[in-house]
Amino acid sequence: MRQLRILDEAFEDTAAAAEWYDHCGGKELGDRFLRVFYSYLPEILKDAEIHRPVYRQFRRILIKPFPYAVYFRIQQDWVIVTLVWHTARNPVVLKELLEGRIQ
C-alpha cells in the first residue's frame, strides 16, 4: 500500500498561499484554501496514476476552485507531494523549482 509524503517546501507553499488569502480575503478564505488542499490529499494518494505526467515524473492535480495546482510524483511505495503552485506564475520558474525539489 502506498503512503503519502509531503515535502516541507510543499507545506511552506501551502502556508504562504493560505496567508495570502487571509490577507486579501479574510481568515475564512485562507482556512477554506487549507481545507480544499487537505481534502485533495486522499484523492492524490488513491488515484495517483490516473494523473498523467506533465513534466518529467511530476504529475499534477488542480485544486478547484482555487487557481493552484499540486505537483506530485510516484516513487516506489510513496506518493510525494512536491510543490503547491499558483497556476498563473511563470512556468520556467515552475520547472526550476520541481527540479530543485527532487530528493
Protein backbone atom coordinates (compact mmCIF):
# COMPACT_ATOMS: atom_id res chain seq x y z
CA MET A 1 0.00 0.00 0.00
CA ARG A 2 1.31 3.44 -0.90
CA GLN A 3 1.94 6.17 1.60
CA LEU A 4 1.76 9.92 1.20
CA ARG A 5 4.72 12.17 1.87
CA ILE A 6 4.53 15.95 1.71
CA LEU A 7 7.81 17.81 1.39
CA ASP A 8 8.40 20.58 3.91
CA GLU A 9 8.63 23.01 0.99
CA ALA A 10 5.15 21.99 -0.17
CA PHE A 11 3.81 22.69 3.33
CA GLU A 12 5.52 26.10 3.12
CA ASP A 13 3.92 26.73 -0.30
CA THR A 14 0.52 25.89 1.15
CA ALA A 15 1.01 28.08 4.22
CA ALA A 16 2.13 31.02 2.06
CA ALA A 17 -0.95 30.69 -0.15
CA ALA A 18 -3.27 30.49 2.86
CA GLU A 19 -1.57 33.52 4.40
CA TRP A 20 -2.05 35.47 1.16
CA TYR A 21 -5.75 34.53 1.11
CA ASP A 22 -6.04 35.53 4.79
CA HIS A 23 -4.57 38.92 3.96
CA CYS A 24 -6.64 39.57 0.84
CA GLY A 25 -9.88 37.76 1.52
CA GLY A 26 -10.10 37.34 5.25
CA LYS A 27 -9.33 34.46 7.57
CA GLU A 28 -12.20 32.39 6.23
CA LEU A 29 -10.71 32.30 2.74
CA GLY A 30 -7.28 31.16 3.94
CA ASP A 31 -8.92 28.45 6.05
CA ARG A 32 -11.03 27.39 3.08
CA PHE A 33 -7.92 27.10 0.91
CA LEU A 34 -6.31 24.82 3.51
CA ARG A 35 -9.45 22.67 3.78
CA VAL A 36 -9.59 22.28 0.00
CA PHE A 37 -5.89 21.42 -0.17
CA TYR A 38 -6.17 18.76 2.54
CA SER A 39 -9.35 17.36 1.00
CA TYR A 40 -7.43 16.56 -2.20
CA LEU A 41 -4.69 14.55 -0.47
CA PRO A 42 -6.68 11.28 -0.17
CA GLU A 43 -7.56 11.52 -3.87
CA ILE A 44 -3.92 12.10 -4.79
CA LEU A 45 -2.89 9.05 -2.78
CA LYS A 46 -5.69 6.80 -4.01
CA ASP A 47 -5.65 7.75 -7.71
CA ALA A 48 -2.10 8.95 -8.31
CA GLU A 49 -1.68 7.03 -11.56
CA ILE A 50 -4.73 8.47 -13.28
CA HIS A 51 -2.99 11.83 -13.46
CA ARG A 52 -0.58 11.78 -16.36
CA PRO A 53 2.96 13.15 -16.01
CA VAL A 54 3.10 16.82 -17.03
CA TYR A 55 6.83 17.36 -16.57
CA ARG A 56 9.28 14.51 -16.27
CA GLN A 57 7.95 12.28 -13.48
CA PHE A 58 5.76 15.01 -11.96
CA ARG A 59 2.00 14.77 -12.10
CA ARG A 60 -0.48 17.49 -11.30
CA ILE A 61 -3.94 17.96 -9.88
CA LEU A 62 -5.79 21.28 -9.89
CA ILE A 63 -7.32 22.20 -6.55
CA LYS A 64 -10.53 23.88 -7.55
CA PRO A 65 -11.96 26.43 -7.04
CA PHE A 66 -8.56 27.94 -6.30
CA PRO A 67 -6.07 28.66 -9.10
CA TYR A 68 -3.50 26.30 -7.60
CA ALA A 69 -2.03 23.00 -8.67
CA VAL A 70 -0.45 20.31 -6.55
CA TYR A 71 2.55 18.65 -8.19
CA PHE A 72 3.47 15.19 -7.01
CA ARG A 73 5.43 12.15 -8.11
CA ILE A 74 5.24 8.45 -7.53
CA GLN A 75 8.37 6.82 -6.18
CA GLN A 76 8.19 3.15 -5.28
CA ASP A 77 5.61 2.89 -2.46
CA TRP A 78 5.34 6.64 -1.97
CA VAL A 79 3.33 9.47 -3.47
CA ILE A 80 5.39 12.59 -2.81
CA VAL A 81 3.69 15.99 -2.85
CA THR A 82 6.44 18.25 -4.10
CA LEU A 83 5.01 21.67 -4.90
CA VAL A 84 1.85 23.74 -4.47
CA TRP A 85 1.86 26.31 -7.27
CA HIS A 86 -0.33 29.22 -8.39
CA THR A 87 -1.16 28.41 -11.99
CA ALA A 88 -0.61 31.96 -13.25
CA ARG A 89 3.05 32.02 -12.24
CA ASN A 90 5.96 31.70 -14.66
CA PRO A 91 6.27 28.10 -15.97
CA VAL A 92 10.04 28.44 -16.32
CA VAL A 93 10.32 29.01 -12.58
CA LEU A 94 7.97 26.07 -12.04
CA LYS A 95 10.33 23.69 -13.82
CA GLU A 96 13.31 25.03 -11.87
CA LEU A 97 11.51 24.50 -8.56
CA LEU A 98 10.42 20.99 -9.48
CA GLU A 99 13.97 20.07 -10.46
CA GLY A 100 15.26 21.51 -7.18
CA ARG A 101 12.82 19.50 -5.11
CA ILE A 102 13.76 16.07 -6.32
CA GLN A 103 15.07 14.23 -3.28
